[in-house]
């Protein structure tokens, strides 16, 4: 087809037509054809082949053209600016197509509390309503529980027993101290009258009487022996009487010493028993207190147990908020009977939410690079807003039915704009292909189902070149084959050339 005269490339019936009118008609037809072609290219499905993903495309792969077409269109160079024709060399660059998936907002499962009572009882007070915001330790519900009342009374009794054991131990320690002092005085041989006066007001129980009685007997026997020994040389006392007195003195001394040993043993035993009673009381208190803590009672509530002042309120079991949050379910009413298996409230911290998105198998390689990275969210309710979320779980198991892996991220929700149950659009960074040939989307045209571009071959001439397309991000498209790097490609205004070429073909027919 000659390229020297533009008249040979128009419709035969329009050879005498005004050239400016004819050019206007061509531009209008080209606009309609070009618009259809560009919409087809923009909406075409991405290349699903994964053989070249993540790898550069070599020049040999790019320069393997499809069946070449020798269709030539011409357009005067001095009219390119008016027609919007722009030519640029085809270049290789990195290409990354963002992956967009649908996600769902859900509650942050690390910040949700399903509240069950630890005891059975009757609801005595409900202090919150559905949707109410609560703070940590705020009162939620009060339950009247016989189990709690019994446990508190047991603790109160154990405390009384401990007080009694403490008193007994104190008395026994005082008796032991006083008795030991008395024994020391008796062993020193102090006069009985002096001892009686010195220890008269000291508490000793029956130890005083037993010790003094045996000590008095010993002192009397010793005095009798001394008196007889004083007259022994005079012959007034027989040897038999003297021996009897000595034997009586020795017996009373032995009785006195054994009485001391017996009393020391009794004191030690009594003090040990008093100490054991105190330890037993302490153990009962510890058991009762631990039981109440297991049931959820606070230490303040445990410390303030007083049946006389509290009355029936001693059986009250308060349930408080475990953290700051919002009451999202309320399944409790006044005077209702509840059990340990009854869920009464659910508290959720809505300041953060989880984003769950299903990533298809073809995009699984993305997951490795997403851990601890930020992703972007959009929701139809807030079309002018974007939200950030941080990925914390990229999944390990693929759903066999949907062929997807569940990914989870945490998003800040301090403004409460993201509602659990909402759907969101999640933008994920795509896999980057290095050193691939790309062109603007507007550079690629289509005719009879075949994509092509126009190559500037010199002067006013342009050649149609069929190409094989790869993925597109809506702005640029990857050229898999049909075009080597460096070729001068029409990147804008190609629909003018397409309409000129179609008009020439129709004219030839």
Protein backbone atom coordinates (compact mmCIF):
# COMPACT_ATOMS: atom_id res chain seq x y z
CA UNK A 1 0.00 0.00 0.00
CA UNK A 2 1.61 3.34 -0.98
CA UNK A 3 2.34 5.83 1.75
CA UNK A 4 3.14 8.93 -0.31
CA UNK A 5 -0.43 10.12 -0.85
CA UNK A 6 -3.10 10.30 1.80
CA UNK A 7 -5.79 10.25 -0.88
CA UNK A 8 -5.21 6.58 -1.53
CA UNK A 9 -6.05 5.72 2.11
CA UNK A 10 -9.59 7.20 2.21
CA UNK A 11 -12.93 5.90 1.04
CA UNK A 12 -13.23 5.97 -2.82
CA UNK A 13 -16.61 7.67 -2.60
CA UNK A 14 -15.11 10.54 -0.56
CA UNK A 15 -12.23 11.48 -2.81
CA UNK A 16 -13.79 14.86 -3.55
CA UNK A 17 -14.84 15.47 0.08
CA UNK A 18 -13.42 18.42 1.95
CA UNK A 19 -10.28 17.07 3.67
CA UNK A 20 -11.00 18.86 6.95
CA UNK A 21 -14.56 17.50 7.05
CA UNK A 22 -13.26 14.04 6.25
CA UNK A 23 -10.63 14.32 9.01
CA UNK A 24 -13.35 15.33 11.49
CA UNK A 25 -15.46 12.29 10.58
CA UNK A 26 -12.44 10.03 10.99
CA UNK A 27 -11.63 11.46 14.40
CA UNK A 28 -15.24 10.99 15.56
CA UNK A 29 -15.32 7.36 14.38
CA UNK A 30 -11.90 6.80 15.96
CA UNK A 31 -13.10 8.17 19.27
CA UNK A 32 -15.94 5.65 19.40
CA UNK A 33 -13.74 2.76 18.33
CA UNK A 34 -10.88 3.79 20.60
CA UNK A 35 -13.20 4.17 23.59
CA UNK A 36 -14.56 0.67 23.10
CA UNK A 37 -11.05 -0.75 22.73
CA UNK A 38 -9.74 0.98 25.82
CA UNK A 39 -12.71 -0.16 27.89
CA UNK A 40 -12.07 -3.71 26.74
CA UNK A 41 -8.41 -3.46 27.70
CA UNK A 42 -9.11 -1.91 31.08
CA UNK A 43 -11.73 -4.50 31.98
CA UNK A 44 -9.99 -7.53 30.48
CA UNK A 45 -9.09 -10.28 32.95
CA UNK A 46 -5.49 -10.38 34.08
CA UNK A 47 -3.13 -12.96 32.70
CA UNK A 48 -3.60 -15.95 34.99
CA UNK A 49 -0.35 -17.53 33.96
CA UNK A 50 2.09 -17.63 36.84
CA UNK A 51 5.05 -19.01 34.95
CA UNK A 52 6.73 -15.58 34.70
CA UNK A 53 5.50 -14.03 37.96
CA UNK A 54 8.24 -12.64 40.12
CA UNK A 55 10.85 -13.04 37.32
CA UNK A 56 12.18 -10.69 34.69
CA UNK A 57 11.21 -11.20 31.07
CA UNK A 58 14.20 -11.54 28.81
CA UNK A 59 14.51 -9.85 25.48
CA UNK A 60 14.24 -13.20 23.71
CA UNK A 61 10.84 -13.79 25.30
CA UNK A 62 9.64 -10.32 24.38
CA UNK A 63 10.81 -10.46 20.79
CA UNK A 64 8.91 -13.63 19.98
CA UNK A 65 6.16 -11.94 17.99
CA UNK A 66 2.81 -13.33 17.05
CA UNK A 67 2.01 -13.50 13.39
CA UNK A 68 3.22 -10.13 12.10
CA UNK A 69 0.79 -7.86 10.36
CA UNK A 70 2.05 -5.57 7.58
CA UNK A 71 -0.97 -3.21 8.02
CA UNK A 72 0.39 0.30 7.56
CA UNK A 73 -1.35 3.56 8.47
CA UNK A 74 -0.08 7.00 7.61
CA UNK A 75 -0.68 10.34 9.19
CA UNK A 76 1.05 13.61 8.37
CA UNK A 77 3.62 14.49 11.01
CA UNK A 78 2.55 18.13 11.07
CA UNK A 79 -0.91 17.06 12.25
CA UNK A 80 0.20 14.76 15.09
CA UNK A 81 -0.19 17.42 17.77
CA UNK A 82 -3.70 18.27 16.62
CA UNK A 83 -4.68 14.59 16.59
CA UNK A 84 -2.99 13.96 19.96
CA UNK A 85 -0.57 11.36 18.59
CA UNK A 86 2.39 10.76 20.90
CA UNK A 87 5.26 8.35 20.31
CA UNK A 88 7.55 6.93 22.98
CA UNK A 89 10.10 4.09 23.05
CA UNK A 90 8.99 0.86 24.71
CA UNK A 91 10.89 0.44 28.00
CA UNK A 92 11.43 -2.31 30.52
CA UNK A 93 10.65 -1.64 34.19
CA UNK A 94 9.44 -3.31 37.36
CA UNK A 95 5.73 -4.08 37.48
CA UNK A 96 3.60 -4.73 40.56
CA UNK A 97 -0.14 -5.11 40.36
CA UNK A 98 -1.93 -4.50 43.68
CA UNK A 99 -4.11 -7.39 44.78
CA UNK A 100 -7.56 -6.44 46.00
CA UNK A 101 -9.53 -8.87 48.14
CA UNK A 102 -12.70 -8.67 50.18
CA UNK A 103 -12.38 -8.71 53.95
CA UNK A 104 -14.70 -8.69 56.91
CA UNK A 105 -14.49 -6.74 60.15
CA UNK A 106 -14.78 -8.81 63.32
CA UNK A 107 -14.26 -8.32 67.03
CA UNK A 108 -10.74 -8.39 68.38
CA UNK A 109 -10.81 -11.85 69.95
CA UNK A 110 -7.96 -10.91 72.28
CA UNK A 111 -10.13 -8.16 73.79
CA UNK A 112 -13.50 -9.82 74.32
CA UNK A 113 -14.88 -11.30 77.55
CA UNK A 114 -17.86 -13.66 77.77
CA UNK A 115 -18.86 -13.28 81.42
CA UNK A 116 -20.22 -16.28 83.33
CA UNK A 117 -20.97 -16.27 87.08
CA UNK A 118 -18.80 -18.56 89.17
CA UNK A 119 -21.72 -19.38 91.47
CA UNK A 120 -25.40 -20.23 91.29
CA UNK A 121 -27.86 -17.70 92.60
CA UNK A 122 -30.47 -15.03 91.97
CA UNK A 123 -29.75 -11.73 90.23
CA UNK A 124 -30.10 -8.99 92.83
CA UNK A 125 -28.86 -6.00 90.80
CA UNK A 126 -28.11 -5.16 87.14
CA UNK A 127 -26.02 -1.99 86.79
CA UNK A 128 -25.43 -1.81 83.03
CA UNK A 129 -27.44 -1.71 79.82
CA UNK A 130 -26.78 -2.94 76.31
CA UNK A 131 -24.27 -0.77 74.45
CA UNK A 132 -23.01 0.93 77.59
CA UNK A 133 -19.31 1.74 77.84
CA UNK A 134 -17.69 0.50 81.04
CA UNK A 135 -14.34 0.92 82.76
CA UNK A 136 -12.16 -1.68 84.43
CA UNK A 137 -13.70 -2.89 87.74
CA UNK A 138 -17.03 -1.14 87.13
CA UNK A 139 -19.91 -3.02 88.78
CA UNK A 140 -21.94 -4.99 86.24
CA UNK A 141 -24.20 -7.43 88.10
CA UNK A 142 -24.79 -8.49 91.72
CA UNK A 143 -25.91 -12.07 92.44
CA UNK A 144 -27.39 -13.27 95.71
CA UNK A 145 -25.58 -16.58 96.32
CA UNK A 146 -25.93 -19.01 99.21
CA UNK A 147 -22.56 -20.49 98.33
CA UNK A 148 -20.86 -17.11 98.70
CA UNK A 149 -22.65 -16.43 101.99
CA UNK A 150 -21.61 -19.80 103.43
CA UNK A 151 -18.01 -19.35 102.29
CA UNK A 152 -17.81 -15.91 103.88
CA UNK A 153 -19.27 -17.15 107.17
CA UNK A 154 -16.75 -20.00 107.20
CA UNK A 155 -13.98 -17.46 106.80
CA UNK A 156 -15.43 -15.30 109.56
CA UNK A 157 -15.55 -18.29 111.93
CA UNK A 158 -12.00 -19.25 111.03
CA UNK A 159 -10.88 -15.75 111.91
CA UNK A 160 -12.62 -15.99 115.30
CA UNK A 161 -10.93 -19.32 115.92
CA UNK A 162 -7.62 -17.77 115.12
CA UNK A 163 -8.22 -14.96 117.58
CA UNK A 164 -9.03 -17.53 120.28
CA UNK A 165 -5.97 -19.58 119.41
CA UNK A 166 -3.84 -16.46 119.62
CA UNK A 167 -5.19 -15.69 123.09
CA UNK A 168 -4.59 -19.27 124.26
CA UNK A 169 -1.08 -19.25 122.91
CA UNK A 170 -0.37 -15.94 124.63
CA UNK A 171 -1.65 -17.23 127.98
CA UNK A 172 0.35 -20.43 127.67
CA UNK A 173 3.52 -18.52 126.82
CA UNK A 174 2.98 -16.27 129.87
CA UNK A 175 2.40 -19.27 132.17
CA UNK A 176 5.49 -20.98 130.78
CA UNK A 177 7.65 -17.90 131.34
CA UNK A 178 6.43 -17.42 134.95
CA UNK A 179 6.75 -21.10 135.79
CA UNK A 180 10.30 -21.24 134.48
CA UNK A 181 11.19 -18.28 136.70
CA UNK A 182 9.63 -20.07 139.71
CA UNK A 183 11.52 -23.26 138.97
CA UNK A 184 14.78 -21.30 138.79
CA UNK A 185 14.06 -19.72 142.21
CA UNK A 186 13.21 -23.09 143.73
CA UNK A 187 16.37 -24.67 142.41
CA UNK A 188 18.35 -21.79 143.92
CA UNK A 189 16.94 -22.76 147.33
CA UNK A 190 15.26 -19.45 148.09
CA UNK A 191 13.04 -19.40 151.19
CA UNK A 192 9.46 -20.45 150.61
CA UNK A 193 8.04 -17.25 152.08
CA UNK A 194 10.17 -15.11 149.80
CA UNK A 195 9.18 -17.17 146.78
CA UNK A 196 5.52 -16.94 147.69
CA UNK A 197 5.68 -13.20 147.97
CA UNK A 198 7.69 -12.74 144.76
CA UNK A 199 5.50 -14.89 142.48
CA UNK A 200 2.14 -14.29 144.10
CA UNK A 201 0.64 -12.29 141.20
CA UNK A 202 2.23 -14.27 138.36
CA UNK A 203 -0.11 -16.51 136.41
CA UNK A 204 1.01 -20.14 136.49
CA UNK A 205 -2.13 -22.21 136.63
CA UNK A 206 -1.83 -25.29 138.84
CA UNK A 207 1.93 -25.38 138.29
CA UNK A 208 2.48 -23.05 141.29
CA UNK A 209 0.63 -25.32 143.75
CA UNK A 210 2.25 -28.50 142.51
CA UNK A 211 5.76 -27.06 142.59
CA UNK A 212 5.42 -25.36 145.97
CA UNK A 213 3.85 -28.41 147.57
CA UNK A 214 6.66 -30.70 146.48
CA UNK A 215 9.23 -28.05 147.33
CA UNK A 216 7.75 -27.56 150.82
CA UNK A 217 7.87 -31.30 151.48
CA UNK A 218 11.48 -31.39 150.41
CA UNK A 219 12.38 -28.40 152.61
CA UNK A 220 10.64 -29.96 155.65
CA UNK A 221 12.39 -33.31 155.12
CA UNK A 222 15.70 -31.53 154.79
CA UNK A 223 15.08 -29.57 158.00
CA UNK A 224 14.13 -32.74 159.89
CA UNK A 225 17.30 -34.47 158.71
CA UNK A 226 19.46 -31.53 159.68
CA UNK A 227 17.92 -31.44 163.19
CA UNK A 228 18.55 -35.18 163.75
CA UNK A 229 22.07 -34.94 162.40
CA UNK A 230 22.73 -32.20 165.00
CA UNK A 231 22.05 -34.54 167.96
CA UNK A 232 23.44 -37.70 166.41
CA UNK A 233 26.71 -37.53 168.37
CA UNK A 234 24.88 -37.25 171.69
CA UNK A 235 23.37 -40.69 171.27
CA UNK A 236 19.85 -39.38 171.62
CA UNK A 237 18.93 -40.46 168.09
CA UNK A 238 19.27 -43.96 166.86
CA UNK A 239 20.84 -44.78 163.56
CA UNK A 240 17.55 -46.18 162.35
CA UNK A 241 15.73 -42.93 162.90
CA UNK A 242 18.48 -41.02 161.16
CA UNK A 243 18.38 -43.35 158.17
CA UNK A 244 14.62 -43.02 157.99
CA UNK A 245 14.94 -39.23 157.93
CA UNK A 246 17.57 -39.38 155.20
CA UNK A 247 15.39 -41.69 153.13
CA UNK A 248 12.40 -39.38 153.57
CA UNK A 249 14.49 -36.37 152.53
CA UNK A 250 15.81 -38.19 149.43
CA UNK A 251 12.29 -39.28 148.47
CA UNK A 252 10.94 -35.73 148.76
CA UNK A 253 13.89 -34.41 146.72
CA UNK A 254 13.26 -36.97 144.00
CA UNK A 255 9.57 -36.09 144.03
CA UNK A 256 10.42 -32.40 143.71
CA UNK A 257 12.81 -32.98 140.78
CA UNK A 258 10.41 -35.27 138.98
CA UNK A 259 7.65 -32.70 139.51
CA UNK A 260 9.82 -30.07 137.85
CA UNK A 261 10.54 -32.35 134.89
CA UNK A 262 6.87 -33.24 134.57
CA UNK A 263 5.79 -29.62 134.63
CA UNK A 264 8.46 -28.62 132.08
CA UNK A 265 7.20 -31.35 129.77
CA UNK A 266 3.58 -30.28 130.28
CA UNK A 267 4.44 -26.66 129.57
CA UNK A 268 6.25 -27.60 126.37
CA UNK A 269 3.37 -29.81 125.26
CA UNK A 270 0.75 -27.19 126.08
CA UNK A 271 2.66 -24.51 124.19
CA UNK A 272 3.07 -26.82 121.19
CA UNK A 273 -0.66 -27.60 121.17
CA UNK A 274 -1.49 -23.90 121.38
CA UNK A 275 0.82 -23.21 118.45
CA UNK A 276 -0.80 -26.01 116.46
CA UNK A 277 -4.24 -24.58 117.17
CA UNK A 278 -3.05 -21.24 115.81
CA UNK A 279 -1.61 -22.85 112.68
CA UNK A 280 -4.83 -24.77 112.14
CA UNK A 281 -6.82 -21.54 112.39
CA UNK A 282 -4.44 -19.86 109.94
CA UNK A 283 -4.90 -22.76 107.53
CA UNK A 284 -8.68 -22.52 107.75
CA UNK A 285 -8.48 -18.80 107.02
CA UNK A 286 -6.19 -19.37 104.04
CA UNK A 287 -8.48 -22.08 102.64
CA UNK A 288 -11.62 -20.01 103.09
CA UNK A 289 -9.99 -16.89 101.60
CA UNK A 290 -8.64 -18.82 98.61
CA UNK A 291 -12.05 -20.36 98.01
CA UNK A 292 -13.61 -16.90 97.88
CA UNK A 293 -10.90 -15.63 95.54
CA UNK A 294 -11.49 -18.62 93.27
CA UNK A 295 -15.15 -17.69 93.19
CA UNK A 296 -14.17 -14.20 92.07
CA UNK A 297 -14.47 -12.17 95.26
CA UNK A 298 -12.12 -9.21 95.55
CA UNK A 299 -9.63 -8.93 98.39
CA UNK A 300 -11.42 -5.82 99.62
CA UNK A 301 -14.68 -7.75 99.83
CA UNK A 302 -12.96 -10.59 101.69
CA UNK A 303 -11.33 -8.25 104.20
CA UNK A 304 -14.58 -6.46 104.99
CA UNK A 305 -16.63 -9.53 106.01
CA UNK A 306 -18.79 -8.64 109.01
CA UNK A 307 -22.05 -10.62 109.44
CA UNK A 308 -23.38 -8.30 112.14
CA UNK A 309 -23.18 -5.20 109.93
CA UNK A 310 -23.72 -6.73 106.47
CA UNK A 311 -26.66 -8.97 107.19
CA UNK A 312 -28.05 -10.56 103.99
CA UNK A 313 -25.61 -8.53 101.89
CA UNK A 314 -22.88 -10.91 103.00
CA UNK A 315 -24.15 -13.33 100.33
CA UNK A 316 -23.85 -10.77 97.52
CA UNK A 317 -21.56 -11.78 94.66
CA UNK A 318 -20.50 -8.77 92.53
CA UNK A 319 -19.37 -9.17 88.91
CA UNK A 320 -17.11 -6.37 87.64
CA UNK A 321 -15.72 -5.39 84.23
CA UNK A 322 -12.39 -7.08 83.41
CA UNK A 323 -11.26 -4.19 81.16
CA UNK A 324 -12.48 -1.04 79.44
CA UNK A 325 -15.05 -1.95 76.82
CA UNK A 326 -18.65 -1.95 75.60
CA UNK A 327 -21.52 -4.22 76.61
CA UNK A 328 -22.37 -5.96 73.34
CA UNK A 329 -24.67 -8.69 74.71
CA UNK A 330 -26.86 -8.68 77.84
CA UNK A 331 -28.63 -11.88 78.82
CA UNK A 332 -29.54 -11.17 82.42
CA UNK A 333 -32.57 -9.66 84.18
CA UNK A 334 -33.46 -8.76 87.76
CA UNK A 335 -34.48 -11.70 90.02
CA UNK A 336 -33.47 -14.16 87.32
CA UNK A 337 -31.94 -17.46 88.43
CA UNK A 338 -28.44 -17.95 86.99
CA UNK A 339 -25.95 -20.81 87.03
CA UNK A 340 -22.29 -21.27 86.23
CA UNK A 341 -23.21 -22.23 82.66
CA UNK A 342 -25.25 -19.06 82.12
CA UNK A 343 -23.61 -16.30 80.07
CA UNK A 344 -24.84 -13.03 81.52
CA UNK A 345 -22.84 -10.40 79.59
CA UNK A 346 -20.29 -9.95 76.84
CA UNK A 347 -17.80 -7.10 77.05
CA UNK A 348 -15.74 -6.15 74.00
CA UNK A 349 -13.00 -3.58 73.56
CA UNK A 350 -14.00 -1.92 70.29
CA UNK A 351 -11.02 0.43 70.16
CA UNK A 352 -9.41 -2.15 67.86
CA UNK A 353 -10.95 -4.65 65.46
CA UNK A 354 -9.77 -7.60 63.43
CA UNK A 355 -9.82 -7.71 59.66
CA UNK A 356 -10.24 -11.18 58.16
CA UNK A 357 -9.50 -11.58 54.45
CA UNK A 358 -9.39 -14.71 52.31
CA UNK A 359 -6.39 -14.77 49.99
CA UNK A 360 -6.73 -16.95 46.90
CA UNK A 361 -4.22 -19.64 46.08
CA UNK A 362 -2.65 -17.71 43.21
CA UNK A 363 -1.74 -14.91 45.63
CA UNK A 364 -0.39 -17.13 48.42
CA UNK A 365 3.24 -16.05 47.68
CA UNK A 366 2.23 -12.58 48.88
CA UNK A 367 1.56 -13.81 52.42
CA UNK A 368 5.21 -14.36 53.33
CA UNK A 369 5.99 -10.69 52.76
CA UNK A 370 2.88 -9.37 54.55
CA UNK A 371 3.66 -10.47 58.11
CA UNK A 372 3.78 -7.43 60.45
CA UNK A 373 3.20 -5.11 57.45
CA UNK A 374 0.49 -2.48 57.05
CA UNK A 375 -2.33 -2.86 54.55
CA UNK A 376 -5.01 -0.42 53.38
CA UNK A 377 -8.77 -0.84 53.86
CA UNK A 378 -11.79 0.82 52.30
CA UNK A 379 -15.46 0.64 53.16
CA UNK A 380 -18.51 1.84 51.23
CA UNK A 381 -19.89 3.60 54.30
CA UNK A 382 -16.86 5.91 54.30
CA UNK A 383 -15.98 6.34 50.60
CA UNK A 384 -13.58 9.22 51.24
CA UNK A 385 -11.63 7.43 53.98
CA UNK A 386 -8.94 4.79 54.03
CA UNK A 387 -7.95 2.79 57.09
CA UNK A 388 -4.69 1.12 57.99
CA UNK A 389 -4.35 -2.34 59.52
CA UNK A 390 -1.32 -4.35 60.62
CA UNK A 391 -1.12 -8.00 59.57
CA UNK A 392 -0.42 -10.35 62.48
CA UNK A 393 -1.46 -13.73 61.03
CA UNK A 394 -0.94 -14.94 57.48
CA UNK A 395 -2.51 -18.38 57.83
CA UNK A 396 -1.09 -21.84 57.60
CA UNK A 397 -3.98 -24.00 56.35
CA UNK A 398 -5.83 -23.63 53.06
CA UNK A 399 -9.59 -24.06 52.93
CA UNK A 400 -10.15 -26.96 50.56
CA UNK A 401 -13.59 -25.75 49.54
CA UNK A 402 -12.73 -22.12 48.71
CA UNK A 403 -9.01 -22.63 47.96
CA UNK A 404 -8.18 -19.63 50.12
CA UNK A 405 -6.02 -18.91 53.16
CA UNK A 406 -7.37 -16.69 55.90
CA UNK A 407 -5.27 -13.64 56.74
CA UNK A 408 -5.87 -11.49 59.81
CA UNK A 409 -4.90 -7.94 60.66
CA UNK A 410 -5.58 -5.50 63.50
CA UNK A 411 -6.98 -2.04 62.76
CA UNK A 412 -7.32 0.95 65.04
CA UNK A 413 -10.97 1.80 65.66
CA UNK A 414 -10.77 4.63 68.15
CA UNK A 415 -13.36 6.58 66.12
CA UNK A 416 -15.72 3.56 66.11
CA UNK A 417 -16.21 3.85 62.34
CA UNK A 418 -15.46 0.20 61.62
CA UNK A 419 -18.35 -1.96 62.78
CA UNK A 420 -17.90 -5.72 63.28
CA UNK A 421 -19.76 -7.46 60.48
CA UNK A 422 -18.95 -4.83 57.85
CA UNK A 423 -17.27 -5.84 54.61
CA UNK A 424 -14.17 -3.99 53.48
CA UNK A 425 -11.97 -3.92 50.42
CA UNK A 426 -8.39 -4.82 51.27
CA UNK A 427 -5.53 -3.65 49.06
CA UNK A 428 -2.47 -5.87 49.22
CA UNK A 429 0.86 -5.07 47.58
CA UNK A 430 1.33 -7.30 44.54
CA UNK A 431 4.24 -9.48 43.57
CA UNK A 432 6.83 -7.42 41.67
CA UNK A 433 8.00 -8.62 38.28
CA UNK A 434 11.40 -7.21 37.44
CA UNK A 435 12.56 -5.99 34.03
CA UNK A 436 9.33 -6.51 32.08
CA UNK A 437 8.10 -4.50 29.11
CA UNK A 438 5.15 -2.24 29.96
CA UNK A 439 3.07 0.27 28.03
CA UNK A 440 0.35 2.71 29.04
CA UNK A 441 -3.08 1.14 28.79
CA UNK A 442 -4.08 3.68 26.13
CA UNK A 443 -1.30 2.46 23.83
CA UNK A 444 -2.97 -0.92 23.30
CA UNK A 445 -5.89 -1.17 20.86
CA UNK A 446 -8.05 -4.11 19.85
CA UNK A 447 -9.63 -5.34 16.64
CA UNK A 448 -11.48 -8.61 16.07
CA UNK A 449 -10.45 -9.82 19.52
CA UNK A 450 -6.74 -9.23 18.95
CA UNK A 451 -4.74 -6.62 20.90
CA UNK A 452 -2.19 -4.58 18.98
CA UNK A 453 -0.12 -1.42 19.06
CA UNK A 454 1.12 0.99 16.41
CA UNK A 455 4.85 1.18 15.79
CA UNK A 456 6.32 4.30 14.19
CA UNK A 457 8.39 2.94 11.33
CA UNK A 458 9.54 6.31 10.01
CA UNK A 459 8.16 9.47 8.46
CA UNK A 460 4.37 9.50 8.43
CA UNK A 461 4.02 5.73 8.57
CA UNK A 462 2.87 3.49 11.41
CA UNK A 463 2.73 -0.29 11.45
CA UNK A 464 0.17 -2.32 13.34
CA UNK A 465 1.90 -4.86 15.61
CA UNK A 466 -0.09 -7.62 17.32
CA UNK A 467 1.03 -8.27 20.91
CA UNK A 468 0.34 -10.70 23.74
CA UNK A 469 -0.69 -8.99 26.94
CA UNK A 470 0.08 -9.75 30.57
CA UNK A 471 -1.51 -8.29 33.71
CA UNK A 472 -2.51 -4.65 34.06
CA UNK A 473 -2.94 -2.37 37.05
CA UNK A 474 -5.32 -0.06 35.15
CA UNK A 475 -2.56 2.38 34.23
CA UNK A 476 0.03 0.25 32.48
CA UNK A 477 -0.12 -3.20 30.93
CA UNK A 478 2.60 -5.83 30.63
CA UNK A 479 3.55 -6.86 27.10
CA UNK A 480 4.45 -10.54 27.14
CA UNK A 481 5.46 -10.87 23.49
CA UNK A 482 5.24 -9.18 20.10
CA UNK A 483 7.27 -6.09 20.92
CA UNK A 484 11.00 -5.72 21.61
CA UNK A 485 12.33 -2.99 23.93
CA UNK A 486 13.25 0.28 22.27
CA UNK A 487 10.56 0.26 19.58
CA UNK A 488 8.84 3.61 19.05
CA UNK A 489 5.27 2.96 20.11
CA UNK A 490 2.24 5.22 19.77
CA UNK A 491 1.25 5.69 23.42
CA UNK A 492 -1.56 8.17 22.81
CA UNK A 493 -3.80 8.96 19.84
CA UNK A 494 -3.61 5.44 18.43
CA UNK A 495 -7.37 5.37 17.83
CA UNK A 496 -6.85 8.00 15.11
CA UNK A 497 -4.49 5.67 13.31
CA UNK A 498 -6.84 2.75 13.88
CA UNK A 499 -9.75 4.63 12.34
CA UNK A 500 -7.54 5.69 9.40
CA UNK A 501 -6.44 2.09 8.91
CA UNK A 502 -10.02 0.76 9.09
CA UNK A 503 -11.18 3.45 6.68
CA UNK A 504 -8.47 2.46 4.21
CA UNK A 505 -9.37 -1.21 4.52
CA UNK A 506 -13.04 -0.41 3.89
CA UNK A 507 -12.04 1.76 0.94
CA UNK A 508 -10.07 -1.09 -0.55
CA UNK A 509 -13.09 -3.34 -0.27
